[in-house]
């Protein structure tokens, strides 16, 4: 799976309450969640994100509660992958379950800026920064996890095996 998009850049310890504020958790509608994604730290995100864009965070991205609303909001907003130095484990698993690919690249994440254009090969873990010419290497998703991401999430994966 190859992706290409503009970077939306965030820092360390972006928690699920920042990704989708608790006041919106009464909704399970992905479009409604997307409309409020990141609004407490980036008021322009929901109105300006484009389908295919890529989110980049620092260390411990997705920490906080185990709500699945957070990766759903990110994916529904049009983000096709999240790249970070590291992820909170429950966020990582929830993201895979809904088909949102995540790639960890450690300290190389500091070389990526908001607005950069990236090309990401999820299957190999190779990330090309088309704005700077740099290349970064993430651990690719393991085979089974890659199949879940390619299918669009765990439910779709299980249905395809049906």
C-alpha atoms as a PDB file:
ATOM      1  CA  UNK A   1       0.000   0.000   0.000  1.00  0.00           C
ATOM      2  CA  UNK A   2       1.557   3.296  -1.156  1.00  0.00           C
ATOM      3  CA  UNK A   3       0.270   6.621   0.106  1.00  0.00           C
ATOM      4  CA  UNK A   4       1.137  10.217  -0.647  1.00  0.00           C
ATOM      5  CA  UNK A   5      -0.009  13.318   1.181  1.00  0.00           C
ATOM      6  CA  UNK A   6       0.617  16.526   3.056  1.00  0.00           C
ATOM      7  CA  UNK A   7       1.815  16.393   6.675  1.00  0.00           C
ATOM      8  CA  UNK A   8      -0.204  17.540   9.651  1.00  0.00           C
ATOM      9  CA  UNK A   9       2.442  17.714  12.419  1.00  0.00           C
ATOM     10  CA  UNK A  10       1.876  17.387  16.160  1.00  0.00           C
ATOM     11  CA  UNK A  11       4.164  16.923  19.153  1.00  0.00           C
ATOM     12  CA  UNK A  12       4.729  14.439  21.964  1.00  0.00           C
ATOM     13  CA  UNK A  13       2.035  12.899  24.174  1.00  0.00           C
ATOM     14  CA  UNK A  14      -0.941  13.719  21.953  1.00  0.00           C
ATOM     15  CA  UNK A  15      -3.664  11.985  23.900  1.00  0.00           C
ATOM     16  CA  UNK A  16      -7.023  10.674  22.808  1.00  0.00           C
ATOM     17  CA  UNK A  17      -8.798  13.593  24.563  1.00  0.00           C
ATOM     18  CA  UNK A  18      -6.936  15.965  22.235  1.00  0.00           C
ATOM     19  CA  UNK A  19      -7.600  13.845  19.150  1.00  0.00           C
ATOM     20  CA  UNK A  20     -11.346  13.777  19.875  1.00  0.00           C
ATOM     21  CA  UNK A  21     -12.512  15.759  22.922  1.00  0.00           C
ATOM     22  CA  UNK A  22     -14.659  13.852  25.409  1.00  0.00           C
ATOM     23  CA  UNK A  23     -17.636  16.163  24.821  1.00  0.00           C
ATOM     24  CA  UNK A  24     -18.135  14.467  21.421  1.00  0.00           C
ATOM     25  CA  UNK A  25     -18.012  10.860  22.603  1.00  0.00           C
ATOM     26  CA  UNK A  26     -21.788  10.542  22.558  1.00  0.00           C
ATOM     27  CA  UNK A  27     -21.518  10.191  18.777  1.00  0.00           C
ATOM     28  CA  UNK A  28     -20.417   7.106  16.873  1.00  0.00           C
ATOM     29  CA  UNK A  29     -20.862   8.805  13.495  1.00  0.00           C
ATOM     30  CA  UNK A  30     -17.422   8.944  11.842  1.00  0.00           C
ATOM     31  CA  UNK A  31     -18.269  12.172   9.959  1.00  0.00           C
ATOM     32  CA  UNK A  32     -19.327  13.894  13.180  1.00  0.00           C
ATOM     33  CA  UNK A  33     -16.151  12.742  14.942  1.00  0.00           C
ATOM     34  CA  UNK A  34     -14.024  13.923  12.002  1.00  0.00           C
ATOM     35  CA  UNK A  35     -15.603  17.381  12.221  1.00  0.00           C
ATOM     36  CA  UNK A  36     -14.176  17.763  15.725  1.00  0.00           C
ATOM     37  CA  UNK A  37     -10.869  15.933  15.306  1.00  0.00           C
ATOM     38  CA  UNK A  38      -7.924  17.863  16.829  1.00  0.00           C
ATOM     39  CA  UNK A  39     -10.081  20.957  17.404  1.00  0.00           C
ATOM     40  CA  UNK A  40      -8.707  21.737  20.865  1.00  0.00           C
ATOM     41  CA  UNK A  41      -5.126  22.090  19.565  1.00  0.00           C
ATOM     42  CA  UNK A  42      -5.620  22.842  15.866  1.00  0.00           C
ATOM     43  CA  UNK A  43      -8.838  24.695  15.083  1.00  0.00           C
ATOM     44  CA  UNK A  44      -8.155  24.606  11.338  1.00  0.00           C
ATOM     45  CA  UNK A  45      -7.527  20.875  11.040  1.00  0.00           C
ATOM     46  CA  UNK A  46     -11.056  19.594  10.351  1.00  0.00           C
ATOM     47  CA  UNK A  47     -11.801  22.319   7.798  1.00  0.00           C
ATOM     48  CA  UNK A  48      -8.492  22.046   5.940  1.00  0.00           C
ATOM     49  CA  UNK A  49      -7.403  18.397   6.025  1.00  0.00           C
ATOM     50  CA  UNK A  50      -7.644  16.701   2.640  1.00  0.00           C
ATOM     51  CA  UNK A  51      -8.279  13.052   1.859  1.00  0.00           C
ATOM     52  CA  UNK A  52      -4.896  11.363   1.606  1.00  0.00           C
ATOM     53  CA  UNK A  53      -3.092  13.631   4.075  1.00  0.00           C
ATOM     54  CA  UNK A  54      -0.752  12.112   6.664  1.00  0.00           C
ATOM     55  CA  UNK A  55      -0.566  12.850  10.385  1.00  0.00           C
ATOM     56  CA  UNK A  56       2.832  12.941  12.108  1.00  0.00           C
ATOM     57  CA  UNK A  57       3.302  12.966  15.866  1.00  0.00           C
ATOM     58  CA  UNK A  58       6.100  12.660  18.374  1.00  0.00           C
ATOM     59  CA  UNK A  59       6.522  10.239  21.257  1.00  0.00           C
ATOM     60  CA  UNK A  60       3.612   8.383  22.856  1.00  0.00           C
ATOM     61  CA  UNK A  61       1.047   9.401  20.241  1.00  0.00           C
ATOM     62  CA  UNK A  62      -2.484   8.314  21.191  1.00  0.00           C
ATOM     63  CA  UNK A  63      -1.888   8.007  24.936  1.00  0.00           C
ATOM     64  CA  UNK A  64      -4.783   8.363  27.350  1.00  0.00           C
ATOM     65  CA  UNK A  65      -8.026   6.468  27.273  1.00  0.00           C
ATOM     66  CA  UNK A  66      -8.628   3.395  25.165  1.00  0.00           C
ATOM     67  CA  UNK A  67     -11.447   4.927  23.138  1.00  0.00           C
ATOM     68  CA  UNK A  68     -11.710   3.762  19.556  1.00  0.00           C
ATOM     69  CA  UNK A  69     -13.254   7.126  18.677  1.00  0.00           C
ATOM     70  CA  UNK A  70      -9.767   8.673  18.321  1.00  0.00           C
ATOM     71  CA  UNK A  71      -8.463   6.636  15.371  1.00  0.00           C
ATOM     72  CA  UNK A  72     -11.958   6.638  13.835  1.00  0.00           C
ATOM     73  CA  UNK A  73     -11.965  10.467  13.900  1.00  0.00           C
ATOM     74  CA  UNK A  74      -8.500  10.625  12.325  1.00  0.00           C
ATOM     75  CA  UNK A  75      -9.357   8.162   9.552  1.00  0.00           C
ATOM     76  CA  UNK A  76     -12.761   9.730   8.869  1.00  0.00           C
ATOM     77  CA  UNK A  77     -11.078  13.138   8.544  1.00  0.00           C
ATOM     78  CA  UNK A  78      -9.179  11.746   5.539  1.00  0.00           C
ATOM     79  CA  UNK A  79      -5.839  10.881   7.120  1.00  0.00           C
ATOM     80  CA  UNK A  80      -4.456   7.736   5.449  1.00  0.00           C
ATOM     81  CA  UNK A  81      -1.614   6.961   7.888  1.00  0.00           C
ATOM     82  CA  UNK A  82      -0.082   8.200  11.117  1.00  0.00           C
ATOM     83  CA  UNK A  83       3.679   8.314  11.587  1.00  0.00           C
ATOM     84  CA  UNK A  84       5.201   8.918  15.006  1.00  0.00           C
ATOM     85  CA  UNK A  85       8.259   8.356  17.126  1.00  0.00           C
ATOM     86  CA  UNK A  86       6.173   5.919  19.198  1.00  0.00           C
ATOM     87  CA  UNK A  87       2.530   5.062  19.859  1.00  0.00           C
ATOM     88  CA  UNK A  88       0.524   4.162  22.928  1.00  0.00           C
ATOM     89  CA  UNK A  89      -0.170   0.441  22.517  1.00  0.00           C
ATOM     90  CA  UNK A  90      -3.970   0.543  22.857  1.00  0.00           C
ATOM     91  CA  UNK A  91      -4.158   3.353  20.268  1.00  0.00           C
ATOM     92  CA  UNK A  92      -1.941   1.279  17.986  1.00  0.00           C
ATOM     93  CA  UNK A  93      -4.231  -1.733  18.266  1.00  0.00           C
ATOM     94  CA  UNK A  94      -7.424   0.300  17.868  1.00  0.00           C
ATOM     95  CA  UNK A  95      -5.972   1.931  14.747  1.00  0.00           C
ATOM     96  CA  UNK A  96      -5.116  -1.411  13.172  1.00  0.00           C
ATOM     97  CA  UNK A  97      -8.606  -2.698  14.026  1.00  0.00           C
ATOM     98  CA  UNK A  98     -10.179   0.109  11.983  1.00  0.00           C
ATOM     99  CA  UNK A  99      -7.640  -0.066   9.143  1.00  0.00           C
ATOM    100  CA  UNK A 100      -5.566   3.049   9.924  1.00  0.00           C
ATOM    101  CA  UNK A 101      -1.884   2.217   9.261  1.00  0.00           C
ATOM    102  CA  UNK A 102       0.665   3.420  11.828  1.00  0.00           C
ATOM    103  CA  UNK A 103       4.427   3.582  11.364  1.00  0.00           C
ATOM    104  CA  UNK A 104       7.040   4.218  14.066  1.00  0.00           C
ATOM    105  CA  UNK A 105      10.267   5.951  13.032  1.00  0.00           C
ATOM    106  CA  UNK A 106      11.840   7.014  16.333  1.00  0.00           C
ATOM    107  CA  UNK A 107      13.806  10.268  16.365  1.00  0.00           C
ATOM    108  CA  UNK A 108      13.646  10.631  12.564  1.00  0.00           C
ATOM    109  CA  UNK A 109      10.169  12.052  13.139  1.00  0.00           C
ATOM    110  CA  UNK A 110      11.875  15.313  14.188  1.00  0.00           C
ATOM    111  CA  UNK A 111      13.009  15.799  10.573  1.00  0.00           C
ATOM    112  CA  UNK A 112       9.428  16.008   9.278  1.00  0.00           C
ATOM    113  CA  UNK A 113       7.650  19.367   9.299  1.00  0.00           C
ATOM    114  CA  UNK A 114       4.057  20.472   8.932  1.00  0.00           C
ATOM    115  CA  UNK A 115       3.213  20.912   5.277  1.00  0.00           C
ATOM    116  CA  UNK A 116       5.913  18.544   3.987  1.00  0.00           C
ATOM    117  CA  UNK A 117       4.745  16.090   1.350  1.00  0.00           C
ATOM    118  CA  UNK A 118       5.423  12.424   2.089  1.00  0.00           C
ATOM    119  CA  UNK A 119       5.266   9.238   0.070  1.00  0.00           C
ATOM    120  CA  UNK A 120       4.738   6.227   2.322  1.00  0.00           C
ATOM    121  CA  UNK A 121       5.043   2.577   1.395  1.00  0.00           C
ATOM    122  CA  UNK A 122       3.240   0.901   4.264  1.00  0.00           C
ATOM    123  CA  UNK A 123       4.261  -2.588   3.146  1.00  0.00           C
ATOM    124  CA  UNK A 124       8.021  -1.833   3.229  1.00  0.00           C
ATOM    125  CA  UNK A 125       8.078   0.933   5.863  1.00  0.00           C
ATOM    126  CA  UNK A 126       9.910   3.319   3.530  1.00  0.00           C
ATOM    127  CA  UNK A 127       8.893   6.952   3.937  1.00  0.00           C
ATOM    128  CA  UNK A 128      10.120   9.506   1.421  1.00  0.00           C
ATOM    129  CA  UNK A 129       9.955  13.193   2.267  1.00  0.00           C
ATOM    130  CA  UNK A 130       9.287  14.689  -1.154  1.00  0.00           C
ATOM    131  CA  UNK A 131       9.837  18.193   0.258  1.00  0.00           C
ATOM    132  CA  UNK A 132      13.364  17.569   1.570  1.00  0.00           C
ATOM    133  CA  UNK A 133      14.545  14.488  -0.320  1.00  0.00           C
ATOM    134  CA  UNK A 134      15.095  12.574   2.940  1.00  0.00           C
ATOM    135  CA  UNK A 135      14.147   8.919   3.358  1.00  0.00           C
ATOM    136  CA  UNK A 136      13.150   7.328   6.669  1.00  0.00           C
ATOM    137  CA  UNK A 137      12.735   3.689   7.560  1.00  0.00           C
ATOM    138  CA  UNK A 138       9.966   2.363   9.763  1.00  0.00           C
ATOM    139  CA  UNK A 139       9.338  -1.228  10.677  1.00  0.00           C
ATOM    140  CA  UNK A 140       6.707  -2.337   8.169  1.00  0.00           C
ATOM    141  CA  UNK A 141       3.475  -3.740   9.497  1.00  0.00           C
ATOM    142  CA  UNK A 142       3.752  -7.491  10.127  1.00  0.00           C
ATOM    143  CA  UNK A 143       2.091  -9.668   7.448  1.00  0.00           C
ATOM    144  CA  UNK A 144      -1.171 -10.384   9.259  1.00  0.00           C
ATOM    145  CA  UNK A 145      -1.480  -6.771  10.444  1.00  0.00           C
ATOM    146  CA  UNK A 146      -0.761  -5.555   6.894  1.00  0.00           C
ATOM    147  CA  UNK A 147      -3.599  -7.742   5.625  1.00  0.00           C
ATOM    148  CA  UNK A 148      -5.970  -6.172   8.176  1.00  0.00           C
ATOM    149  CA  UNK A 149      -4.886  -2.654   7.126  1.00  0.00           C
ATOM    150  CA  UNK A 150      -5.229  -3.519   3.420  1.00  0.00           C
ATOM    151  CA  UNK A 151      -8.736  -4.848   4.029  1.00  0.00           C
ATOM    152  CA  UNK A 152      -9.756  -1.591   5.733  1.00  0.00           C
ATOM    153  CA  UNK A 153      -9.908  -2.972   9.256  1.00  0.00           C
ATOM    154  CA  UNK A 154     -10.487  -6.088  11.298  1.00  0.00           C
ATOM    155  CA  UNK A 155     -14.190  -6.466  10.506  1.00  0.00           C
ATOM    156  CA  UNK A 156     -13.577  -6.219   6.765  1.00  0.00           C
ATOM    157  CA  UNK A 157     -10.642  -8.631   7.037  1.00  0.00           C
ATOM    158  CA  UNK A 158     -12.738 -11.251   8.839  1.00  0.00           C
ATOM    159  CA  UNK A 159     -15.594 -10.801   6.358  1.00  0.00           C
ATOM    160  CA  UNK A 160     -13.199 -11.307   3.438  1.00  0.00           C
ATOM    161  CA  UNK A 161     -12.119 -14.642   4.918  1.00  0.00           C
ATOM    162  CA  UNK A 162     -15.718 -15.662   5.337  1.00  0.00           C
END
